[in-house]
PDB file of all heavy atoms in Angstrom:
ATOM      1  N   THR A   1      -8.756  23.148 -30.721  1.00  0.00           N
ATOM      2  CA  THR A   1      -8.114  24.394 -30.328  1.00  0.00           C
ATOM      3  C   THR A   1      -8.585  25.564 -31.186  1.00  0.00           C
ATOM      4  O   THR A   1      -8.781  25.419 -32.398  1.00  0.00           O
ATOM      5  CB  THR A   1      -6.591  24.255 -30.430  1.00  0.00           C
ATOM      6  OG1 THR A   1      -6.153  23.205 -29.558  1.00  0.00           O
ATOM      7  CG2 THR A   1      -5.892  25.549 -30.044  1.00  0.00           C
ATOM      8  N   VAL A   2      -8.748  26.702 -30.543  1.00  0.00           N
ATOM      9  CA  VAL A   2      -9.001  27.955 -31.231  1.00  0.00           C
ATOM     10  C   VAL A   2      -7.830  28.893 -30.957  1.00  0.00           C
ATOM     11  O   VAL A   2      -7.266  28.893 -29.860  1.00  0.00           O
ATOM     12  CB  VAL A   2     -10.347  28.590 -30.800  1.00  0.00           C
ATOM     13  CG1 VAL A   2     -10.358  28.900 -29.311  1.00  0.00           C
ATOM     14  CG2 VAL A   2     -10.649  29.829 -31.632  1.00  0.00           C
ATOM     15  N   TYR A   3      -7.472  29.677 -31.963  1.00  0.00           N
ATOM     16  CA  TYR A   3      -6.354  30.604 -31.861  1.00  0.00           C
ATOM     17  C   TYR A   3      -6.833  32.032 -32.099  1.00  0.00           C
ATOM     18  O   TYR A   3      -7.812  32.269 -32.800  1.00  0.00           O
ATOM     19  CB  TYR A   3      -5.279  30.289 -32.901  1.00  0.00           C
ATOM     20  CG  TYR A   3      -4.748  28.878 -32.840  1.00  0.00           C
ATOM     21  CD1 TYR A   3      -5.278  27.884 -33.658  1.00  0.00           C
ATOM     22  CD2 TYR A   3      -3.720  28.534 -31.976  1.00  0.00           C
ATOM     23  CE1 TYR A   3      -4.795  26.588 -33.613  1.00  0.00           C
ATOM     24  CE2 TYR A   3      -3.234  27.245 -31.923  1.00  0.00           C
ATOM     25  CZ  TYR A   3      -3.772  26.273 -32.744  1.00  0.00           C
ATOM     26  OH  TYR A   3      -3.288  24.983 -32.695  1.00  0.00           O
ATOM     27  N   LEU A   4      -6.115  32.964 -31.525  1.00  0.00           N
ATOM     28  CA  LEU A   4      -6.317  34.370 -31.831  1.00  0.00           C
ATOM     29  C   LEU A   4      -4.956  34.996 -32.085  1.00  0.00           C
ATOM     30  O   LEU A   4      -4.174  35.182 -31.156  1.00  0.00           O
ATOM     31  CB  LEU A   4      -7.037  35.099 -30.697  1.00  0.00           C
ATOM     32  CG  LEU A   4      -7.419  36.548 -30.989  1.00  0.00           C
ATOM     33  CD1 LEU A   4      -8.503  36.607 -32.070  1.00  0.00           C
ATOM     34  CD2 LEU A   4      -7.884  37.255 -29.723  1.00  0.00           C
ATOM     35  N   GLN A   5      -4.678  35.287 -33.350  1.00  0.00           N
ATOM     36  CA  GLN A   5      -3.456  35.983 -33.719  1.00  0.00           C
ATOM     37  C   GLN A   5      -3.716  37.478 -33.626  1.00  0.00           C
ATOM     38  O   GLN A   5      -4.612  37.994 -34.297  1.00  0.00           O
ATOM     39  CB  GLN A   5      -3.029  35.608 -35.139  1.00  0.00           C
ATOM     40  CG  GLN A   5      -1.785  36.321 -35.630  1.00  0.00           C
ATOM     41  CD  GLN A   5      -0.546  35.925 -34.871  1.00  0.00           C
ATOM     42  OE1 GLN A   5      -0.298  34.740 -34.665  1.00  0.00           O
ATOM     43  NE2 GLN A   5       0.233  36.897 -34.444  1.00  0.00           N
ATOM     44  N   MET A   6      -2.940  38.154 -32.801  1.00  0.00           N
ATOM     45  CA  MET A   6      -3.128  39.572 -32.555  1.00  0.00           C
ATOM     46  C   MET A   6      -1.898  40.330 -33.039  1.00  0.00           C
ATOM     47  O   MET A   6      -0.795  40.121 -32.528  1.00  0.00           O
ATOM     48  CB  MET A   6      -3.371  39.844 -31.070  1.00  0.00           C
ATOM     49  CG  MET A   6      -4.549  39.065 -30.497  1.00  0.00           C
ATOM     50  SD  MET A   6      -4.902  39.483 -28.769  1.00  0.00           S
ATOM     51  CE  MET A   6      -3.417  38.838 -27.980  1.00  0.00           C
ATOM     52  N   ASN A   7      -2.083  41.190 -34.012  1.00  0.00           N
ATOM     53  CA  ASN A   7      -1.014  42.011 -34.563  1.00  0.00           C
ATOM     54  C   ASN A   7      -1.313  43.484 -34.325  1.00  0.00           C
ATOM     55  O   ASN A   7      -2.442  43.866 -34.047  1.00  0.00           O
ATOM     56  CB  ASN A   7      -0.856  41.751 -36.062  1.00  0.00           C
ATOM     57  CG  ASN A   7      -0.496  40.325 -36.383  1.00  0.00           C
ATOM     58  OD1 ASN A   7       0.241  39.670 -35.650  1.00  0.00           O
ATOM     59  ND2 ASN A   7      -1.005  39.820 -37.511  1.00  0.00           N
ATOM     60  N   SER A   8      -0.286  44.302 -34.454  1.00  0.00           N
ATOM     61  CA  SER A   8      -0.427  45.752 -34.288  1.00  0.00           C
ATOM     62  C   SER A   8      -1.154  46.093 -32.996  1.00  0.00           C
ATOM     63  O   SER A   8      -2.080  46.909 -32.977  1.00  0.00           O
ATOM     64  CB  SER A   8      -1.158  46.357 -35.492  1.00  0.00           C
ATOM     65  OG  SER A   8      -0.466  46.080 -36.693  1.00  0.00           O
ATOM     66  N   LEU A   9      -0.725  45.478 -31.922  1.00  0.00           N
ATOM     67  CA  LEU A   9      -1.411  45.637 -30.647  1.00  0.00           C
ATOM     68  C   LEU A   9      -1.327  47.068 -30.130  1.00  0.00           C
ATOM     69  O   LEU A   9      -0.320  47.751 -30.308  1.00  0.00           O
ATOM     70  CB  LEU A   9      -0.842  44.669 -29.622  1.00  0.00           C
ATOM     71  CG  LEU A   9      -1.326  43.226 -29.789  1.00  0.00           C
ATOM     72  CD1 LEU A   9      -0.402  42.258 -29.071  1.00  0.00           C
ATOM     73  CD2 LEU A   9      -2.753  43.090 -29.264  1.00  0.00           C
ATOM     74  N   LYS A  10      -2.403  47.486 -29.487  1.00  0.00           N
ATOM     75  CA  LYS A  10      -2.529  48.822 -28.927  1.00  0.00           C
ATOM     76  C   LYS A  10      -2.746  48.730 -27.427  1.00  0.00           C
ATOM     77  O   LYS A  10      -3.243  47.715 -26.932  1.00  0.00           O
ATOM     78  CB  LYS A  10      -3.720  49.542 -29.568  1.00  0.00           C
ATOM     79  CG  LYS A  10      -3.661  49.632 -31.080  1.00  0.00           C
ATOM     80  CD  LYS A  10      -4.944  50.241 -31.626  1.00  0.00           C
ATOM     81  CE  LYS A  10      -4.906  50.338 -33.131  1.00  0.00           C
ATOM     82  NZ  LYS A  10      -6.165  50.913 -33.676  1.00  0.00           N
ATOM     83  N   PRO A  11      -2.417  49.786 -26.678  1.00  0.00           N
ATOM     84  CA  PRO A  11      -2.658  49.747 -25.229  1.00  0.00           C
ATOM     85  C   PRO A  11      -4.110  49.433 -24.878  1.00  0.00           C
ATOM     86  O   PRO A  11      -4.354  48.774 -23.860  1.00  0.00           O
ATOM     87  CB  PRO A  11      -2.267  51.155 -24.778  1.00  0.00           C
ATOM     88  CG  PRO A  11      -1.213  51.562 -25.751  1.00  0.00           C
ATOM     89  CD  PRO A  11      -1.668  50.984 -27.074  1.00  0.00           C
ATOM     90  N   GLU A  12      -5.050  49.876 -25.687  1.00  0.00           N
ATOM     91  CA  GLU A  12      -6.450  49.605 -25.405  1.00  0.00           C
ATOM     92  C   GLU A  12      -6.843  48.141 -25.609  1.00  0.00           C
ATOM     93  O   GLU A  12      -7.973  47.756 -25.286  1.00  0.00           O
ATOM     94  CB  GLU A  12      -7.364  50.518 -26.234  1.00  0.00           C
ATOM     95  CG  GLU A  12      -7.068  50.506 -27.717  1.00  0.00           C
ATOM     96  CD  GLU A  12      -6.192  51.674 -28.148  1.00  0.00           C
ATOM     97  OE1 GLU A  12      -5.197  51.965 -27.443  1.00  0.00           O
ATOM     98  OE2 GLU A  12      -6.503  52.299 -29.176  1.00  0.00           O
ATOM     99  N   ASP A  13      -5.935  47.329 -26.128  1.00  0.00           N
ATOM    100  CA  ASP A  13      -6.169  45.891 -26.218  1.00  0.00           C
ATOM    101  C   ASP A  13      -5.876  45.186 -24.899  1.00  0.00           C
ATOM    102  O   ASP A  13      -6.144  43.986 -24.777  1.00  0.00           O
ATOM    103  CB  ASP A  13      -5.315  45.264 -27.318  1.00  0.00           C
ATOM    104  CG  ASP A  13      -5.680  45.755 -28.708  1.00  0.00           C
ATOM    105  OD1 ASP A  13      -6.884  45.868 -29.004  1.00  0.00           O
ATOM    106  OD2 ASP A  13      -4.752  46.017 -29.503  1.00  0.00           O
ATOM    107  N   THR A  14      -5.318  45.898 -23.946  1.00  0.00           N
ATOM    108  CA  THR A  14      -4.999  45.311 -22.653  1.00  0.00           C
ATOM    109  C   THR A  14      -6.265  44.816 -21.966  1.00  0.00           C
ATOM    110  O   THR A  14      -7.224  45.571 -21.783  1.00  0.00           O
ATOM    111  CB  THR A  14      -4.283  46.324 -21.760  1.00  0.00           C
ATOM    112  OG1 THR A  14      -3.024  46.670 -22.344  1.00  0.00           O
ATOM    113  CG2 THR A  14      -4.033  45.749 -20.372  1.00  0.00           C
ATOM    114  N   ALA A  15      -6.269  43.545 -21.594  1.00  0.00           N
ATOM    115  CA  ALA A  15      -7.445  42.929 -20.989  1.00  0.00           C
ATOM    116  C   ALA A  15      -7.116  41.494 -20.617  1.00  0.00           C
ATOM    117  O   ALA A  15      -6.074  40.955 -21.005  1.00  0.00           O
ATOM    118  CB  ALA A  15      -8.628  42.953 -21.960  1.00  0.00           C
ATOM    119  N   VAL A  16      -8.023  40.885 -19.883  1.00  0.00           N
ATOM    120  CA  VAL A  16      -8.003  39.441 -19.731  1.00  0.00           C
ATOM    121  C   VAL A  16      -8.803  38.861 -20.882  1.00  0.00           C
ATOM    122  O   VAL A  16      -9.948  39.255 -21.113  1.00  0.00           O
ATOM    123  CB  VAL A  16      -8.593  38.989 -18.386  1.00  0.00           C
ATOM    124  CG1 VAL A  16      -8.600  37.462 -18.298  1.00  0.00           C
ATOM    125  CG2 VAL A  16      -7.791  39.570 -17.234  1.00  0.00           C
ATOM    126  N   TYR A  17      -8.198  37.944 -21.601  1.00  0.00           N
ATOM    127  CA  TYR A  17      -8.835  37.320 -22.752  1.00  0.00           C
ATOM    128  C   TYR A  17      -9.328  35.929 -22.368  1.00  0.00           C
ATOM    129  O   TYR A  17      -8.586  35.129 -21.799  1.00  0.00           O
ATOM    130  CB  TYR A  17      -7.862  37.235 -23.926  1.00  0.00           C
ATOM    131  CG  TYR A  17      -7.662  38.557 -24.624  1.00  0.00           C
ATOM    132  CD1 TYR A  17      -6.968  39.595 -24.004  1.00  0.00           C
ATOM    133  CD2 TYR A  17      -8.193  38.785 -25.895  1.00  0.00           C
ATOM    134  CE1 TYR A  17      -6.813  40.820 -24.622  1.00  0.00           C
ATOM    135  CE2 TYR A  17      -8.034  40.001 -26.522  1.00  0.00           C
ATOM    136  CZ  TYR A  17      -7.344  41.022 -25.889  1.00  0.00           C
ATOM    137  OH  TYR A  17      -7.186  42.236 -26.521  1.00  0.00           O
ATOM    138  N   TYR A  18     -10.581  35.666 -22.693  1.00  0.00           N
ATOM    139  CA  TYR A  18     -11.218  34.398 -22.386  1.00  0.00           C
ATOM    140  C   TYR A  18     -11.681  33.723 -23.671  1.00  0.00           C
ATOM    141  O   TYR A  18     -12.123  34.398 -24.601  1.00  0.00           O
ATOM    142  CB  TYR A  18     -12.458  34.597 -21.514  1.00  0.00           C
ATOM    143  CG  TYR A  18     -12.227  35.267 -20.190  1.00  0.00           C
ATOM    144  CD1 TYR A  18     -12.273  36.650 -20.068  1.00  0.00           C
ATOM    145  CD2 TYR A  18     -11.985  34.512 -19.047  1.00  0.00           C
ATOM    146  CE1 TYR A  18     -12.081  37.271 -18.847  1.00  0.00           C
ATOM    147  CE2 TYR A  18     -11.792  35.120 -17.820  1.00  0.00           C
ATOM    148  CZ  TYR A  18     -11.843  36.505 -17.724  1.00  0.00           C
ATOM    149  OH  TYR A  18     -11.650  37.111 -16.508  1.00  0.00           O
ATOM    150  N   CYS A  19     -11.618  32.408 -23.695  1.00  0.00           N
ATOM    151  CA  CYS A  19     -12.254  31.684 -24.785  1.00  0.00           C
ATOM    152  C   CYS A  19     -13.500  30.986 -24.269  1.00  0.00           C
ATOM    153  O   CYS A  19     -13.610  30.659 -23.090  1.00  0.00           O
ATOM    154  CB  CYS A  19     -11.302  30.676 -25.432  1.00  0.00           C
ATOM    155  SG  CYS A  19     -10.822  29.283 -24.389  1.00  0.00           S
ATOM    156  N   SER A  20     -14.436  30.778 -25.162  1.00  0.00           N
ATOM    157  CA  SER A  20     -15.590  29.954 -24.875  1.00  0.00           C
ATOM    158  C   SER A  20     -15.890  29.106 -26.100  1.00  0.00           C
ATOM    159  O   SER A  20     -15.542  29.473 -27.223  1.00  0.00           O
ATOM    160  CB  SER A  20     -16.810  30.794 -24.481  1.00  0.00           C
ATOM    161  OG  SER A  20     -17.341  31.501 -25.584  1.00  0.00           O
ATOM    162  N   MET A  21     -16.523  27.973 -25.867  1.00  0.00           N
ATOM    163  CA  MET A  21     -16.883  27.079 -26.951  1.00  0.00           C
ATOM    164  C   MET A  21     -18.250  26.480 -26.704  1.00  0.00           C
ATOM    165  O   MET A  21     -18.573  26.114 -25.577  1.00  0.00           O
ATOM    166  CB  MET A  21     -15.866  25.940 -27.100  1.00  0.00           C
ATOM    167  CG  MET A  21     -14.459  26.390 -27.402  1.00  0.00           C
ATOM    168  SD  MET A  21     -13.364  24.963 -27.691  1.00  0.00           S
ATOM    169  CE  MET A  21     -11.770  25.788 -27.804  1.00  0.00           C
ATOM    170  N   GLY A  22     -19.033  26.382 -27.768  1.00  0.00           N
ATOM    171  CA  GLY A  22     -20.272  25.646 -27.723  1.00  0.00           C
ATOM    172  C   GLY A  22     -19.978  24.197 -28.046  1.00  0.00           C
ATOM    173  O   GLY A  22     -19.608  23.873 -29.178  1.00  0.00           O
ATOM    174  N   VAL A  23     -20.144  23.329 -27.063  1.00  0.00           N
ATOM    175  CA  VAL A  23     -19.778  21.927 -27.189  1.00  0.00           C
ATOM    176  C   VAL A  23     -21.033  21.097 -27.428  1.00  0.00           C
ATOM    177  O   VAL A  23     -22.001  21.190 -26.673  1.00  0.00           O
ATOM    178  CB  VAL A  23     -19.027  21.441 -25.944  1.00  0.00           C
ATOM    179  CG1 VAL A  23     -18.723  19.953 -26.049  1.00  0.00           C
ATOM    180  CG2 VAL A  23     -17.739  22.229 -25.777  1.00  0.00           C
ATOM    181  N   VAL A  24     -21.000  20.283 -28.465  1.00  0.00           N
ATOM    182  CA  VAL A  24     -22.150  19.489 -28.884  1.00  0.00           C
ATOM    183  C   VAL A  24     -21.998  18.053 -28.405  1.00  0.00           C
ATOM    184  O   VAL A  24     -20.965  17.418 -28.629  1.00  0.00           O
ATOM    185  CB  VAL A  24     -22.301  19.500 -30.414  1.00  0.00           C
ATOM    186  CG1 VAL A  24     -23.524  18.686 -30.838  1.00  0.00           C
ATOM    187  CG2 VAL A  24     -22.398  20.927 -30.935  1.00  0.00           C
ATOM    188  N   ILE A  25     -23.038  17.554 -27.758  1.00  0.00           N
ATOM    189  CA  ILE A  25     -23.095  16.155 -27.357  1.00  0.00           C
ATOM    190  C   ILE A  25     -24.433  15.568 -27.799  1.00  0.00           C
ATOM    191  O   ILE A  25     -25.383  16.278 -28.076  1.00  0.00           O
ATOM    192  CB  ILE A  25     -22.893  15.977 -25.842  1.00  0.00           C
ATOM    193  CG1 ILE A  25     -23.975  16.715 -25.053  1.00  0.00           C
ATOM    194  CG2 ILE A  25     -21.513  16.469 -25.426  1.00  0.00           C
ATOM    195  CD1 ILE A  25     -23.920  16.463 -23.557  1.00  0.00           C
ATOM    196  N   GLY A  26     -24.511  14.232 -27.858  1.00  0.00           N
ATOM    197  CA  GLY A  26     -25.724  13.564 -28.288  1.00  0.00           C
ATOM    198  C   GLY A  26     -25.519  12.847 -29.607  1.00  0.00           C
ATOM    199  O   GLY A  26     -24.399  12.782 -30.122  1.00  0.00           O
ATOM    200  N   PRO A  27     -26.589  12.227 -30.151  1.00  0.00           N
ATOM    201  CA  PRO A  27     -28.009  12.566 -29.971  1.00  0.00           C
ATOM    202  C   PRO A  27     -28.610  11.974 -28.700  1.00  0.00           C
ATOM    203  O   PRO A  27     -28.085  10.980 -28.194  1.00  0.00           O
ATOM    204  CB  PRO A  27     -28.656  11.963 -31.219  1.00  0.00           C
ATOM    205  CG  PRO A  27     -27.756  10.825 -31.602  1.00  0.00           C
ATOM    206  CD  PRO A  27     -26.365  11.263 -31.250  1.00  0.00           C
ATOM    207  N   PRO A  28     -29.702  12.584 -28.266  1.00  0.00           N
ATOM    208  CA  PRO A  28     -30.274  13.858 -28.716  1.00  0.00           C
ATOM    209  C   PRO A  28     -29.281  14.997 -28.524  1.00  0.00           C
ATOM    210  O   PRO A  28     -28.565  15.042 -27.534  1.00  0.00           O
ATOM    211  CB  PRO A  28     -31.505  14.034 -27.828  1.00  0.00           C
ATOM    212  CG  PRO A  28     -31.190  13.244 -26.594  1.00  0.00           C
ATOM    213  CD  PRO A  28     -30.408  12.053 -27.075  1.00  0.00           C
ATOM    214  N   VAL A  29     -29.256  15.892 -29.490  1.00  0.00           N
ATOM    215  CA  VAL A  29     -28.253  16.943 -29.509  1.00  0.00           C
ATOM    216  C   VAL A  29     -28.498  17.955 -28.409  1.00  0.00           C
ATOM    217  O   VAL A  29     -29.607  18.469 -28.247  1.00  0.00           O
ATOM    218  CB  VAL A  29     -28.236  17.648 -30.876  1.00  0.00           C
ATOM    219  CG1 VAL A  29     -27.329  18.870 -30.840  1.00  0.00           C
ATOM    220  CG2 VAL A  29     -27.782  16.678 -31.953  1.00  0.00           C
ATOM    221  N   THR A  30     -27.457  18.206 -27.658  1.00  0.00           N
ATOM    222  CA  THR A  30     -27.457  19.310 -26.720  1.00  0.00           C
ATOM    223  C   THR A  30     -26.177  20.104 -26.924  1.00  0.00           C
ATOM    224  O   THR A  30     -25.153  19.554 -27.317  1.00  0.00           O
ATOM    225  CB  THR A  30     -27.543  18.840 -25.255  1.00  0.00           C
ATOM    226  OG1 THR A  30     -26.411  18.016 -24.947  1.00  0.00           O
ATOM    227  CG2 THR A  30     -28.818  18.061 -25.017  1.00  0.00           C
ATOM    228  N   VAL A  31     -26.240  21.393 -26.676  1.00  0.00           N
ATOM    229  CA  VAL A  31     -25.087  22.266 -26.798  1.00  0.00           C
ATOM    230  C   VAL A  31     -24.888  22.989 -25.478  1.00  0.00           C
ATOM    231  O   VAL A  31     -25.797  23.670 -24.997  1.00  0.00           O
ATOM    232  CB  VAL A  31     -25.240  23.287 -27.935  1.00  0.00           C
ATOM    233  CG1 VAL A  31     -23.996  24.160 -28.034  1.00  0.00           C
ATOM    234  CG2 VAL A  31     -25.497  22.573 -29.256  1.00  0.00           C
ATOM    235  N   ASN A  32     -23.719  22.831 -24.917  1.00  0.00           N
ATOM    236  CA  ASN A  32     -23.378  23.493 -23.669  1.00  0.00           C
ATOM    237  C   ASN A  32     -22.175  24.401 -23.879  1.00  0.00           C
ATOM    238  O   ASN A  32     -21.206  24.021 -24.541  1.00  0.00           O
ATOM    239  CB  ASN A  32     -23.068  22.474 -22.581  1.00  0.00           C
ATOM    240  CG  ASN A  32     -24.282  21.658 -22.194  1.00  0.00           C
ATOM    241  OD1 ASN A  32     -25.264  22.193 -21.695  1.00  0.00           O
ATOM    242  ND2 ASN A  32     -24.221  20.360 -22.420  1.00  0.00           N
ATOM    243  N   ASN A  33     -22.249  25.588 -23.320  1.00  0.00           N
ATOM    244  CA  ASN A  33     -21.180  26.558 -23.467  1.00  0.00           C
ATOM    245  C   ASN A  33     -20.209  26.449 -22.301  1.00  0.00           C
ATOM    246  O   ASN A  33     -20.618  26.423 -21.140  1.00  0.00           O
ATOM    247  CB  ASN A  33     -21.755  27.971 -23.534  1.00  0.00           C
ATOM    248  CG  ASN A  33     -20.792  28.948 -24.161  1.00  0.00           C
ATOM    249  OD1 ASN A  33     -20.263  28.706 -25.234  1.00  0.00           O
ATOM    250  ND2 ASN A  33     -20.574  30.066 -23.489  1.00  0.00           N
ATOM    251  N   TYR A  34     -18.916  26.395 -22.631  1.00  0.00           N
ATOM    252  CA  TYR A  34     -17.872  26.305 -21.626  1.00  0.00           C
ATOM    253  C   TYR A  34     -16.903  27.465 -21.781  1.00  0.00           C
ATOM    254  O   TYR A  34     -16.693  27.969 -22.888  1.00  0.00           O
ATOM    255  CB  TYR A  34     -17.109  24.983 -21.745  1.00  0.00           C
ATOM    256  CG  TYR A  34     -17.946  23.787 -21.382  1.00  0.00           C
ATOM    257  CD1 TYR A  34     -18.746  23.154 -22.324  1.00  0.00           C
ATOM    258  CD2 TYR A  34     -17.953  23.287 -20.082  1.00  0.00           C
ATOM    259  CE1 TYR A  34     -19.527  22.058 -21.990  1.00  0.00           C
ATOM    260  CE2 TYR A  34     -18.730  22.186 -19.744  1.00  0.00           C
ATOM    261  CZ  TYR A  34     -19.513  21.577 -20.702  1.00  0.00           C
ATOM    262  OH  TYR A  34     -20.286  20.487 -20.364  1.00  0.00           O
ATOM    263  N   TRP A  35     -16.309  27.861 -20.661  1.00  0.00           N
ATOM    264  CA  TRP A  35     -15.390  28.994 -20.604  1.00  0.00           C
ATOM    265  C   TRP A  35     -14.054  28.590 -20.025  1.00  0.00           C
ATOM    266  O   TRP A  35     -13.981  27.733 -19.136  1.00  0.00           O
ATOM    267  CB  TRP A  35     -15.971  30.111 -19.740  1.00  0.00           C
ATOM    268  CG  TRP A  35     -17.131  30.820 -20.351  1.00  0.00           C
ATOM    269  CD1 TRP A  35     -18.395  30.354 -20.498  1.00  0.00           C
ATOM    270  CD2 TRP A  35     -17.119  32.147 -20.879  1.00  0.00           C
ATOM    271  NE1 TRP A  35     -19.190  31.308 -21.088  1.00  0.00           N
ATOM    272  CE2 TRP A  35     -18.435  32.422 -21.334  1.00  0.00           C
ATOM    273  CE3 TRP A  35     -16.137  33.124 -21.011  1.00  0.00           C
ATOM    274  CZ2 TRP A  35     -18.783  33.643 -21.914  1.00  0.00           C
ATOM    275  CZ3 TRP A  35     -16.487  34.337 -21.591  1.00  0.00           C
ATOM    276  CH2 TRP A  35     -17.798  34.584 -22.030  1.00  0.00           C
ATOM    277  N   GLY A  36     -13.006  29.222 -20.521  1.00  0.00           N
ATOM    278  CA  GLY A  36     -11.697  29.060 -19.929  1.00  0.00           C
ATOM    279  C   GLY A  36     -11.491  30.017 -18.777  1.00  0.00           C
ATOM    280  O   GLY A  36     -12.347  30.845 -18.452  1.00  0.00           O
ATOM    281  N   GLN A  37     -10.329  29.915 -18.145  1.00  0.00           N
ATOM    282  CA  GLN A  37     -10.016  30.739 -16.984  1.00  0.00           C
ATOM    283  C   GLN A  37      -9.515  32.129 -17.353  1.00  0.00           C
ATOM    284  O   GLN A  37      -9.535  33.034 -16.517  1.00  0.00           O
ATOM    285  CB  GLN A  37      -8.962  30.039 -16.116  1.00  0.00           C
ATOM    286  CG  GLN A  37      -9.394  28.696 -15.554  1.00  0.00           C
ATOM    287  CD  GLN A  37     -10.233  28.820 -14.299  1.00  0.00           C
ATOM    288  OE1 GLN A  37     -10.636  29.918 -13.893  1.00  0.00           O
ATOM    289  NE2 GLN A  37     -10.506  27.681 -13.670  1.00  0.00           N
ATOM    290  N   GLY A  38      -9.069  32.312 -18.562  1.00  0.00           N
ATOM    291  CA  GLY A  38      -8.581  33.596 -19.022  1.00  0.00           C
ATOM    292  C   GLY A  38      -7.068  33.691 -19.016  1.00  0.00           C
ATOM    293  O   GLY A  38      -6.382  33.007 -18.255  1.00  0.00           O
ATOM    294  N   THR A  39      -6.549  34.554 -19.883  1.00  0.00           N
ATOM    295  CA  THR A  39      -5.126  34.831 -19.937  1.00  0.00           C
ATOM    296  C   THR A  39      -4.924  36.334 -20.104  1.00  0.00           C
ATOM    297  O   THR A  39      -5.621  36.983 -20.882  1.00  0.00           O
ATOM    298  CB  THR A  39      -4.442  34.035 -21.073  1.00  0.00           C
ATOM    299  OG1 THR A  39      -3.028  34.242 -21.034  1.00  0.00           O
ATOM    300  CG2 THR A  39      -4.974  34.427 -22.446  1.00  0.00           C
ATOM    301  N   GLN A  40      -3.990  36.887 -19.352  1.00  0.00           N
ATOM    302  CA  GLN A  40      -3.768  38.332 -19.341  1.00  0.00           C
ATOM    303  C   GLN A  40      -2.941  38.764 -20.539  1.00  0.00           C
ATOM    304  O   GLN A  40      -1.896  38.175 -20.846  1.00  0.00           O
ATOM    305  CB  GLN A  40      -3.058  38.746 -18.049  1.00  0.00           C
ATOM    306  CG  GLN A  40      -2.680  40.222 -17.968  1.00  0.00           C
ATOM    307  CD  GLN A  40      -3.876  41.124 -17.802  1.00  0.00           C
ATOM    308  OE1 GLN A  40      -4.061  42.090 -18.542  1.00  0.00           O
ATOM    309  NE2 GLN A  40      -4.715  40.814 -16.831  1.00  0.00           N
ATOM    310  N   VAL A  41      -3.416  39.802 -21.216  1.00  0.00           N
ATOM    311  CA  VAL A  41      -2.666  40.459 -22.282  1.00  0.00           C
ATOM    312  C   VAL A  41      -2.457  41.909 -21.869  1.00  0.00           C
ATOM    313  O   VAL A  41      -3.423  42.631 -21.619  1.00  0.00           O
ATOM    314  CB  VAL A  41      -3.399  40.391 -23.628  1.00  0.00           C
ATOM    315  CG1 VAL A  41      -2.695  41.254 -24.677  1.00  0.00           C
ATOM    316  CG2 VAL A  41      -3.504  38.947 -24.101  1.00  0.00           C
ATOM    317  N   THR A  42      -1.204  42.321 -21.802  1.00  0.00           N
ATOM    318  CA  THR A  42      -0.878  43.691 -21.436  1.00  0.00           C
ATOM    319  C   THR A  42      -0.042  44.313 -22.546  1.00  0.00           C
ATOM    320  O   THR A  42       1.009  43.779 -22.918  1.00  0.00           O
ATOM    321  CB  THR A  42      -0.110  43.748 -20.113  1.00  0.00           C
ATOM    322  OG1 THR A  42      -0.890  43.142 -19.074  1.00  0.00           O
ATOM    323  CG2 THR A  42       0.196  45.187 -19.728  1.00  0.00           C
ATOM    324  N   VAL A  43      -0.513  45.433 -23.078  1.00  0.00           N
ATOM    325  CA  VAL A  43       0.183  46.148 -24.140  1.00  0.00           C
ATOM    326  C   VAL A  43       0.640  47.485 -23.564  1.00  0.00           C
ATOM    327  O   VAL A  43      -0.179  48.355 -23.263  1.00  0.00           O
ATOM    328  CB  VAL A  43      -0.711  46.363 -25.362  1.00  0.00           C
ATOM    329  CG1 VAL A  43       0.090  47.014 -26.485  1.00  0.00           C
ATOM    330  CG2 VAL A  43      -1.318  45.042 -25.821  1.00  0.00           C
ATOM    331  N   SER A  44       1.937  47.632 -23.408  1.00  0.00           N
ATOM    332  CA  SER A  44       2.470  48.820 -22.750  1.00  0.00           C
ATOM    333  C   SER A  44       3.902  49.058 -23.194  1.00  0.00           C
ATOM    334  O   SER A  44       4.657  48.120 -23.436  1.00  0.00           O
ATOM    335  CB  SER A  44       2.431  48.652 -21.234  1.00  0.00           C
ATOM    336  OG  SER A  44       3.011  49.764 -20.580  1.00  0.00           O
TER     337      SER A  44
END
């Protein structure tokens, strides 16, 4: 798991936030990047 603690939020932080991870498999080593679906953050 990766976390993002967001403090002192501003309206300009409003966005869909996505995570991605470089996932390692092997050997032979390969790295594939994966993305989440996103989560909405609204500061208002």
